[in-house]
Amino acid sequence: MLDRLVGLAMLIVATTVFLYYTAWTLLMPFVDQGHPLHDFFPPRVWAIRIPVILILLASAVVGSFLSVVMIRSNRKKAAKARAAEAGKKKA
């Protein structure tokens, strides 16, 4: 039951963020600059900066994860090779 609640919460958050970003980027350019609605949104330049920052951050995290996994798997292969070599020397 908890997984359904977490999924519902994630869906609500994603939908809210999507609707806010869509209104900010697609609807606000057509609203006059002096309108009070502009107080609810940051400057339009951040509509590009935020996704770029998030993409760069996500790429760095994924790249770091992949490099750690590759380094660990290479160490395991090297350890197996050394163990196999040591086993051949004893025999």
PDB file of N, CA and C in Angstrom:
ATOM      1  N   MET A   1       0.818  -1.195   0.000  1.00  0.00           N
ATOM      2  CA  MET A   1       0.000   0.000   0.000  1.00  0.00           C
ATOM      3  C   MET A   1       0.863   1.262   0.000  1.00  0.00           C
ATOM      4  N   LEU A   2       2.009   1.180   0.710  1.00  0.00           N
ATOM      5  CA  LEU A   2       2.889   2.343   0.785  1.00  0.00           C
ATOM      6  C   LEU A   2       3.469   2.683  -0.587  1.00  0.00           C
ATOM      7  N   ASP A   3       3.763   1.661  -1.377  1.00  0.00           N
ATOM      8  CA  ASP A   3       4.312   1.922  -2.704  1.00  0.00           C
ATOM      9  C   ASP A   3       3.308   2.641  -3.601  1.00  0.00           C
ATOM     10  N   ARG A   4       2.046   2.363  -3.421  1.00  0.00           N
ATOM     11  CA  ARG A   4       1.020   3.069  -4.207  1.00  0.00           C
ATOM     12  C   ARG A   4       0.922   4.528  -3.790  1.00  0.00           C
ATOM     13  N   LEU A   5       1.052   4.794  -2.488  1.00  0.00           N
ATOM     14  CA  LEU A   5       1.004   6.176  -2.014  1.00  0.00           C
ATOM     15  C   LEU A   5       2.224   6.959  -2.502  1.00  0.00           C
ATOM     16  N   VAL A   6       3.377   6.316  -2.461  1.00  0.00           N
ATOM     17  CA  VAL A   6       4.583   6.978  -2.953  1.00  0.00           C
ATOM     18  C   VAL A   6       4.464   7.244  -4.447  1.00  0.00           C
ATOM     19  N   GLY A   7       3.947   6.277  -5.195  1.00  0.00           N
ATOM     20  CA  GLY A   7       3.737   6.463  -6.627  1.00  0.00           C
ATOM     21  C   GLY A   7       2.754   7.579  -6.916  1.00  0.00           C
ATOM     22  N   LEU A   8       1.679   7.649  -6.152  1.00  0.00           N
ATOM     23  CA  LEU A   8       0.698   8.716  -6.326  1.00  0.00           C
ATOM     24  C   LEU A   8       1.316  10.073  -6.016  1.00  0.00           C
ATOM     25  N   ALA A   9       2.107  10.151  -4.950  1.00  0.00           N
ATOM     26  CA  ALA A   9       2.765  11.407  -4.598  1.00  0.00           C
ATOM     27  C   ALA A   9       3.732  11.834  -5.696  1.00  0.00           C
ATOM     28  N   MET A  10       4.492  10.874  -6.240  1.00  0.00           N
ATOM     29  CA  MET A  10       5.419  11.199  -7.329  1.00  0.00           C
ATOM     30  C   MET A  10       4.665  11.665  -8.567  1.00  0.00           C
ATOM     31  N   LEU A  11       3.533  11.044  -8.865  1.00  0.00           N
ATOM     32  CA  LEU A  11       2.722  11.442 -10.010  1.00  0.00           C
ATOM     33  C   LEU A  11       2.180  12.855  -9.831  1.00  0.00           C
ATOM     34  N   ILE A  12       1.716  13.166  -8.635  1.00  0.00           N
ATOM     35  CA  ILE A  12       1.178  14.504  -8.361  1.00  0.00           C
ATOM     36  C   ILE A  12       2.274  15.558  -8.476  1.00  0.00           C
ATOM     37  N   VAL A  13       3.449  15.270  -7.931  1.00  0.00           N
ATOM     38  CA  VAL A  13       4.559  16.222  -8.008  1.00  0.00           C
ATOM     39  C   VAL A  13       4.978  16.426  -9.462  1.00  0.00           C
ATOM     40  N   ALA A  14       5.105  15.343 -10.222  1.00  0.00           N
ATOM     41  CA  ALA A  14       5.514  15.455 -11.625  1.00  0.00           C
ATOM     42  C   ALA A  14       4.485  16.235 -12.438  1.00  0.00           C
ATOM     43  N   THR A  15       3.212  15.988 -12.196  1.00  0.00           N
ATOM     44  CA  THR A  15       2.162  16.703 -12.916  1.00  0.00           C
ATOM     45  C   THR A  15       2.172  18.183 -12.566  1.00  0.00           C
ATOM     46  N   THR A  16       2.370  18.489 -11.291  1.00  0.00           N
ATOM     47  CA  THR A  16       2.414  19.888 -10.856  1.00  0.00           C
ATOM     48  C   THR A  16       3.596  20.622 -11.483  1.00  0.00           C
ATOM     49  N   VAL A  17       4.761  19.988 -11.461  1.00  0.00           N
ATOM     50  CA  VAL A  17       5.948  20.606 -12.062  1.00  0.00           C
ATOM     51  C   VAL A  17       5.746  20.803 -13.560  1.00  0.00           C
ATOM     52  N   PHE A  18       5.190  19.799 -14.221  1.00  0.00           N
ATOM     53  CA  PHE A  18       4.948  19.901 -15.665  1.00  0.00           C
ATOM     54  C   PHE A  18       3.986  21.044 -15.978  1.00  0.00           C
ATOM     55  N   LEU A  19       2.890  21.156 -15.255  1.00  0.00           N
ATOM     56  CA  LEU A  19       1.917  22.220 -15.515  1.00  0.00           C
ATOM     57  C   LEU A  19       2.502  23.598 -15.222  1.00  0.00           C
ATOM     58  N   TYR A  20       3.266  23.721 -14.133  1.00  0.00           N
ATOM     59  CA  TYR A  20       3.890  24.996 -13.788  1.00  0.00           C
ATOM     60  C   TYR A  20       4.879  25.416 -14.868  1.00  0.00           C
ATOM     61  N   TYR A  21       5.747  24.481 -15.282  1.00  0.00           N
ATOM     62  CA  TYR A  21       6.757  24.794 -16.296  1.00  0.00           C
ATOM     63  C   TYR A  21       6.091  25.124 -17.637  1.00  0.00           C
ATOM     64  N   THR A  22       5.039  24.394 -17.984  1.00  0.00           N
ATOM     65  CA  THR A  22       4.330  24.664 -19.239  1.00  0.00           C
ATOM     66  C   THR A  22       3.694  26.042 -19.222  1.00  0.00           C
ATOM     67  N   ALA A  23       3.045  26.391 -18.120  1.00  0.00           N
ATOM     68  CA  ALA A  23       2.444  27.724 -18.011  1.00  0.00           C
ATOM     69  C   ALA A  23       3.516  28.802 -18.064  1.00  0.00           C
ATOM     70  N   TRP A  24       4.641  28.544 -17.417  1.00  0.00           N
ATOM     71  CA  TRP A  24       5.734  29.514 -17.364  1.00  0.00           C
ATOM     72  C   TRP A  24       6.339  29.758 -18.738  1.00  0.00           C
ATOM     73  N   THR A  25       6.568  28.689 -19.494  1.00  0.00           N
ATOM     74  CA  THR A  25       7.270  28.830 -20.767  1.00  0.00           C
ATOM     75  C   THR A  25       6.353  29.114 -21.950  1.00  0.00           C
ATOM     76  N   LEU A  26       5.140  28.592 -21.929  1.00  0.00           N
ATOM     77  CA  LEU A  26       4.271  28.734 -23.095  1.00  0.00           C
ATOM     78  C   LEU A  26       3.190  29.801 -22.950  1.00  0.00           C
ATOM     79  N   LEU A  27       2.731  30.046 -21.738  1.00  0.00           N
ATOM     80  CA  LEU A  27       1.632  31.001 -21.572  1.00  0.00           C
ATOM     81  C   LEU A  27       2.088  32.393 -21.123  1.00  0.00           C
ATOM     82  N   MET A  28       3.117  32.449 -20.287  1.00  0.00           N
ATOM     83  CA  MET A  28       3.520  33.734 -19.735  1.00  0.00           C
ATOM     84  C   MET A  28       4.074  34.727 -20.760  1.00  0.00           C
ATOM     85  N   PRO A  29       4.679  34.281 -21.859  1.00  0.00           N
ATOM     86  CA  PRO A  29       5.111  35.283 -22.846  1.00  0.00           C
ATOM     87  C   PRO A  29       3.961  36.090 -23.440  1.00  0.00           C
ATOM     88  N   PHE A  30       2.752  35.576 -23.354  1.00  0.00           N
ATOM     89  CA  PHE A  30       1.599  36.276 -23.921  1.00  0.00           C
ATOM     90  C   PHE A  30       0.874  37.149 -22.902  1.00  0.00           C
ATOM     91  N   VAL A  31       1.356  37.148 -21.654  1.00  0.00           N
ATOM     92  CA  VAL A  31       0.752  37.969 -20.603  1.00  0.00           C
ATOM     93  C   VAL A  31       1.567  39.256 -20.478  1.00  0.00           C
ATOM     94  N   ASP A  32       0.901  40.378 -20.290  1.00  0.00           N
ATOM     95  CA  ASP A  32       1.590  41.666 -20.170  1.00  0.00           C
ATOM     96  C   ASP A  32       2.592  41.648 -19.021  1.00  0.00           C
ATOM     97  N   GLN A  33       3.705  42.383 -19.187  1.00  0.00           N
ATOM     98  CA  GLN A  33       4.764  42.410 -18.186  1.00  0.00           C
ATOM     99  C   GLN A  33       4.282  42.907 -16.832  1.00  0.00           C
ATOM    100  N   GLY A  34       3.378  43.826 -16.775  1.00  0.00           N
ATOM    101  CA  GLY A  34       2.933  44.400 -15.515  1.00  0.00           C
ATOM    102  C   GLY A  34       1.873  43.574 -14.795  1.00  0.00           C
ATOM    103  N   HIS A  35       1.442  42.497 -15.373  1.00  0.00           N
ATOM    104  CA  HIS A  35       0.376  41.682 -14.782  1.00  0.00           C
ATOM    105  C   HIS A  35       0.882  40.982 -13.521  1.00  0.00           C
ATOM    106  N   PRO A  36       0.019  40.879 -12.491  1.00  0.00           N
ATOM    107  CA  PRO A  36       0.445  40.243 -11.231  1.00  0.00           C
ATOM    108  C   PRO A  36       0.820  38.762 -11.361  1.00  0.00           C
ATOM    109  N   LEU A  37       0.408  38.100 -12.422  1.00  0.00           N
ATOM    110  CA  LEU A  37       0.782  36.695 -12.619  1.00  0.00           C
ATOM    111  C   LEU A  37       2.292  36.500 -12.740  1.00  0.00           C
ATOM    112  N   HIS A  38       2.990  37.519 -13.225  1.00  0.00           N
ATOM    113  CA  HIS A  38       4.444  37.410 -13.381  1.00  0.00           C
ATOM    114  C   HIS A  38       5.165  37.297 -12.045  1.00  0.00           C
ATOM    115  N   ASP A  39       4.475  37.646 -10.951  1.00  0.00           N
ATOM    116  CA  ASP A  39       5.093  37.533  -9.622  1.00  0.00           C
ATOM    117  C   ASP A  39       5.247  36.075  -9.192  1.00  0.00           C
ATOM    118  N   PHE A  40       4.500  35.162  -9.802  1.00  0.00           N
ATOM    119  CA  PHE A  40       4.548  33.750  -9.423  1.00  0.00           C
ATOM    120  C   PHE A  40       5.629  32.960 -10.175  1.00  0.00           C
ATOM    121  N   PHE A  41       6.292  33.601 -11.123  1.00  0.00           N
ATOM    122  CA  PHE A  41       7.267  32.902 -11.958  1.00  0.00           C
ATOM    123  C   PHE A  41       8.597  33.641 -11.940  1.00  0.00           C
ATOM    124  N   PRO A  42       9.706  32.893 -11.994  1.00  0.00           N
ATOM    125  CA  PRO A  42      11.026  33.532 -12.103  1.00  0.00           C
ATOM    126  C   PRO A  42      11.228  34.125 -13.497  1.00  0.00           C
ATOM    127  N   PRO A  43      12.310  34.863 -13.707  1.00  0.00           N
ATOM    128  CA  PRO A  43      12.572  35.409 -15.054  1.00  0.00           C
ATOM    129  C   PRO A  43      12.646  34.289 -16.096  1.00  0.00           C
ATOM    130  N   ARG A  44      12.281  34.633 -17.319  1.00  0.00           N
ATOM    131  CA  ARG A  44      12.172  33.640 -18.377  1.00  0.00           C
ATOM    132  C   ARG A  44      13.504  32.992 -18.747  1.00  0.00           C
ATOM    133  N   VAL A  45      14.620  33.663 -18.474  1.00  0.00           N
ATOM    134  CA  VAL A  45      15.922  33.096 -18.805  1.00  0.00           C
ATOM    135  C   VAL A  45      16.164  31.801 -18.020  1.00  0.00           C
ATOM    136  N   TRP A  46      15.554  31.678 -16.846  1.00  0.00           N
ATOM    137  CA  TRP A  46      15.709  30.470 -16.037  1.00  0.00           C
ATOM    138  C   TRP A  46      14.929  29.295 -16.610  1.00  0.00           C
ATOM    139  N   ALA A  47      14.023  29.547 -17.534  1.00  0.00           N
ATOM    140  CA  ALA A  47      13.298  28.454 -18.185  1.00  0.00           C
ATOM    141  C   ALA A  47      14.240  27.610 -19.038  1.00  0.00           C
ATOM    142  N   ILE A  48      15.353  28.188 -19.459  1.00  0.00           N
ATOM    143  CA  ILE A  48      16.366  27.444 -20.201  1.00  0.00           C
ATOM    144  C   ILE A  48      17.469  26.976 -19.259  1.00  0.00           C
ATOM    145  N   ARG A  49      17.873  27.819 -18.339  1.00  0.00           N
ATOM    146  CA  ARG A  49      18.987  27.489 -17.446  1.00  0.00           C
ATOM    147  C   ARG A  49      18.691  26.287 -16.553  1.00  0.00           C
ATOM    148  N   ILE A  50      17.510  26.221 -15.988  1.00  0.00           N
ATOM    149  CA  ILE A  50      17.180  25.130 -15.056  1.00  0.00           C
ATOM    150  C   ILE A  50      17.247  23.761 -15.740  1.00  0.00           C
ATOM    151  N   PRO A  51      16.601  23.552 -16.897  1.00  0.00           N
ATOM    152  CA  PRO A  51      16.727  22.236 -17.544  1.00  0.00           C
ATOM    153  C   PRO A  51      18.161  21.905 -17.956  1.00  0.00           C
ATOM    154  N   VAL A  52      18.919  22.910 -18.408  1.00  0.00           N
ATOM    155  CA  VAL A  52      20.308  22.652 -18.795  1.00  0.00           C
ATOM    156  C   VAL A  52      21.121  22.220 -17.580  1.00  0.00           C
ATOM    157  N   ILE A  53      20.946  22.893 -16.459  1.00  0.00           N
ATOM    158  CA  ILE A  53      21.648  22.534 -15.224  1.00  0.00           C
ATOM    159  C   ILE A  53      21.255  21.127 -14.784  1.00  0.00           C
ATOM    160  N   LEU A  54      19.959  20.808 -14.847  1.00  0.00           N
ATOM    161  CA  LEU A  54      19.509  19.473 -14.449  1.00  0.00           C
ATOM    162  C   LEU A  54      20.054  18.379 -15.372  1.00  0.00           C
ATOM    163  N   ILE A  55      20.116  18.656 -16.665  1.00  0.00           N
ATOM    164  CA  ILE A  55      20.658  17.670 -17.608  1.00  0.00           C
ATOM    165  C   ILE A  55      22.147  17.456 -17.349  1.00  0.00           C
ATOM    166  N   LEU A  56      22.891  18.533 -17.124  1.00  0.00           N
ATOM    167  CA  LEU A  56      24.312  18.397 -16.828  1.00  0.00           C
ATOM    168  C   LEU A  56      24.548  17.637 -15.535  1.00  0.00           C
ATOM    169  N   LEU A  57      23.749  17.942 -14.520  1.00  0.00           N
ATOM    170  CA  LEU A  57      23.883  17.257 -13.240  1.00  0.00           C
ATOM    171  C   LEU A  57      23.547  15.769 -13.380  1.00  0.00           C
ATOM    172  N   ALA A  58      22.472  15.460 -14.084  1.00  0.00           N
ATOM    173  CA  ALA A  58      22.091  14.059 -14.279  1.00  0.00           C
ATOM    174  C   ALA A  58      23.150  13.314 -15.088  1.00  0.00           C
ATOM    175  N   SER A  59      23.708  13.958 -16.102  1.00  0.00           N
ATOM    176  CA  SER A  59      24.767  13.326 -16.890  1.00  0.00           C
ATOM    177  C   SER A  59      25.995  13.046 -16.035  1.00  0.00           C
ATOM    178  N   ALA A  60      26.337  13.970 -15.157  1.00  0.00           N
ATOM    179  CA  ALA A  60      27.489  13.771 -14.272  1.00  0.00           C
ATOM    180  C   ALA A  60      27.242  12.615 -13.315  1.00  0.00           C
ATOM    181  N   VAL A  61      26.032  12.511 -12.777  1.00  0.00           N
ATOM    182  CA  VAL A  61      25.709  11.424 -11.852  1.00  0.00           C
ATOM    183  C   VAL A  61      25.747  10.080 -12.575  1.00  0.00           C
ATOM    184  N   VAL A  62      25.138  10.006 -13.746  1.00  0.00           N
ATOM    185  CA  VAL A  62      25.123   8.749 -14.507  1.00  0.00           C
ATOM    186  C   VAL A  62      26.538   8.373 -14.934  1.00  0.00           C
ATOM    187  N   GLY A  63      27.314   9.342 -15.397  1.00  0.00           N
ATOM    188  CA  GLY A  63      28.690   9.070 -15.789  1.00  0.00           C
ATOM    189  C   GLY A  63      29.538   8.598 -14.619  1.00  0.00           C
ATOM    190  N   SER A  64      29.359   9.210 -13.456  1.00  0.00           N
ATOM    191  CA  SER A  64      30.095   8.786 -12.263  1.00  0.00           C
ATOM    192  C   SER A  64      29.708   7.368 -11.864  1.00  0.00           C
ATOM    193  N   PHE A  65      28.425   7.075 -11.906  1.00  0.00           N
ATOM    194  CA  PHE A  65      27.968   5.732 -11.556  1.00  0.00           C
ATOM    195  C   PHE A  65      28.557   4.687 -12.503  1.00  0.00           C
ATOM    196  N   LEU A  66      28.496   4.966 -13.793  1.00  0.00           N
ATOM    197  CA  LEU A  66      29.035   4.017 -14.771  1.00  0.00           C
ATOM    198  C   LEU A  66      30.537   3.826 -14.594  1.00  0.00           C
ATOM    199  N   SER A  67      31.255   4.898 -14.328  1.00  0.00           N
ATOM    200  CA  SER A  67      32.702   4.750 -14.153  1.00  0.00           C
ATOM    201  C   SER A  67      33.030   3.951 -12.900  1.00  0.00           C
ATOM    202  N   VAL A  68      32.282   4.148 -11.818  1.00  0.00           N
ATOM    203  CA  VAL A  68      32.508   3.366 -10.594  1.00  0.00           C
ATOM    204  C   VAL A  68      32.223   1.888 -10.853  1.00  0.00           C
ATOM    205  N   VAL A  69      31.142   1.594 -11.551  1.00  0.00           N
ATOM    206  CA  VAL A  69      30.799   0.203 -11.864  1.00  0.00           C
ATOM    207  C   VAL A  69      31.873  -0.422 -12.749  1.00  0.00           C
ATOM    208  N   MET A  70      32.338   0.303 -13.738  1.00  0.00           N
ATOM    209  CA  MET A  70      33.371  -0.234 -14.625  1.00  0.00           C
ATOM    210  C   MET A  70      34.683  -0.470 -13.885  1.00  0.00           C
ATOM    211  N   ILE A  71      35.065   0.440 -13.005  1.00  0.00           N
ATOM    212  CA  ILE A  71      36.298   0.272 -12.232  1.00  0.00           C
ATOM    213  C   ILE A  71      36.192  -0.935 -11.319  1.00  0.00           C
ATOM    214  N   ARG A  72      35.061  -1.080 -10.646  1.00  0.00           N
ATOM    215  CA  ARG A  72      34.886  -2.226  -9.741  1.00  0.00           C
ATOM    216  C   ARG A  72      34.886  -3.548 -10.500  1.00  0.00           C
ATOM    217  N   SER A  73      34.233  -3.585 -11.656  1.00  0.00           N
ATOM    218  CA  SER A  73      34.198  -4.843 -12.409  1.00  0.00           C
ATOM    219  C   SER A  73      35.592  -5.174 -12.956  1.00  0.00           C
ATOM    220  N   ASN A  74      36.354  -4.168 -13.326  1.00  0.00           N
ATOM    221  CA  ASN A  74      37.717  -4.408 -13.801  1.00  0.00           C
ATOM    222  C   ASN A  74      38.591  -4.927 -12.667  1.00  0.00           C
ATOM    223  N   ARG A  75      38.410  -4.414 -11.461  1.00  0.00           N
ATOM    224  CA  ARG A  75      39.168  -4.904 -10.310  1.00  0.00           C
ATOM    225  C   ARG A  75      38.824  -6.366 -10.011  1.00  0.00           C
ATOM    226  N   LYS A  76      37.539  -6.718 -10.123  1.00  0.00           N
ATOM    227  CA  LYS A  76      37.138  -8.107  -9.880  1.00  0.00           C
ATOM    228  C   LYS A  76      37.753  -9.039 -10.919  1.00  0.00           C
ATOM    229  N   LYS A  77      37.757  -8.623 -12.185  1.00  0.00           N
ATOM    230  CA  LYS A  77      38.352  -9.449 -13.241  1.00  0.00           C
ATOM    231  C   LYS A  77      39.853  -9.613 -13.004  1.00  0.00           C
ATOM    232  N   ALA A  78      40.507  -8.533 -12.589  1.00  0.00           N
ATOM    233  CA  ALA A  78      41.941  -8.606 -12.332  1.00  0.00           C
ATOM    234  C   ALA A  78      42.225  -9.524 -11.147  1.00  0.00           C
ATOM    235  N   ALA A  79      41.408  -9.462 -10.112  1.00  0.00           N
ATOM    236  CA  ALA A  79      41.596 -10.331  -8.947  1.00  0.00           C
ATOM    237  C   ALA A  79      41.385 -11.789  -9.333  1.00  0.00           C
ATOM    238  N   LYS A  80      40.387 -12.076 -10.172  1.00  0.00           N
ATOM    239  CA  LYS A  80      40.152 -13.449 -10.634  1.00  0.00           C
ATOM    240  C   LYS A  80      41.331 -13.947 -11.460  1.00  0.00           C
ATOM    241  N   ALA A  81      41.851 -13.086 -12.303  1.00  0.00           N
ATOM    242  CA  ALA A  81      42.983 -13.471 -13.142  1.00  0.00           C
ATOM    243  C   ALA A  81      44.209 -13.767 -12.274  1.00  0.00           C
ATOM    244  N   ARG A  82      44.450 -12.936 -11.258  1.00  0.00           N
ATOM    245  CA  ARG A  82      45.581 -13.177 -10.346  1.00  0.00           C
ATOM    246  C   ARG A  82      45.394 -14.465  -9.563  1.00  0.00           C
ATOM    247  N   ALA A  83      44.160 -14.736  -9.141  1.00  0.00           N
ATOM    248  CA  ALA A  83      43.898 -15.970  -8.386  1.00  0.00           C
ATOM    249  C   ALA A  83      44.094 -17.187  -9.280  1.00  0.00           C
ATOM    250  N   ALA A  84      43.635 -17.085 -10.505  1.00  0.00           N
ATOM    251  CA  ALA A  84      43.811 -18.205 -11.441  1.00  0.00           C
ATOM    252  C   ALA A  84      45.291 -18.415 -11.748  1.00  0.00           C
ATOM    253  N   GLU A  85      46.024 -17.345 -11.890  1.00  0.00           N
ATOM    254  CA  GLU A  85      47.457 -17.443 -12.155  1.00  0.00           C
ATOM    255  C   GLU A  85      48.203 -18.038 -10.961  1.00  0.00           C
ATOM    256  N   ALA A  86      47.820 -17.634  -9.771  1.00  0.00           N
ATOM    257  CA  ALA A  86      48.458 -18.176  -8.565  1.00  0.00           C
ATOM    258  C   ALA A  86      48.120 -19.657  -8.422  1.00  0.00           C
ATOM    259  N   GLY A  87      46.927 -20.054  -8.798  1.00  0.00           N
ATOM    260  CA  GLY A  87      46.531 -21.459  -8.739  1.00  0.00           C
ATOM    261  C   GLY A  87      47.323 -22.299  -9.731  1.00  0.00           C
ATOM    262  N   LYS A  88      47.633 -21.747 -10.885  1.00  0.00           N
ATOM    263  CA  LYS A  88      48.417 -22.492 -11.890  1.00  0.00           C
ATOM    264  C   LYS A  88      49.869 -22.651 -11.434  1.00  0.00           C
ATOM    265  N   LYS A  89      50.390 -21.638 -10.751  1.00  0.00           N
ATOM    266  CA  LYS A  89      51.786 -21.702 -10.296  1.00  0.00           C
ATOM    267  C   LYS A  89      51.972 -22.769  -9.216  1.00  0.00           C
ATOM    268  N   LYS A  90      50.971 -22.935  -8.368  1.00  0.00           N
ATOM    269  CA  LYS A  90      51.043 -23.922  -7.290  1.00  0.00           C
ATOM    270  C   LYS A  90      50.978 -25.334  -7.842  1.00  0.00           C
ATOM    271  N   ALA A  91      50.236 -25.516  -8.915  1.00  0.00           N
ATOM    272  CA  ALA A  91      50.049 -26.868  -9.469  1.00  0.00           C
ATOM    273  C   ALA A  91      51.162 -27.299 -10.319  1.00  0.00           C
TER     274      ALA A  91
END
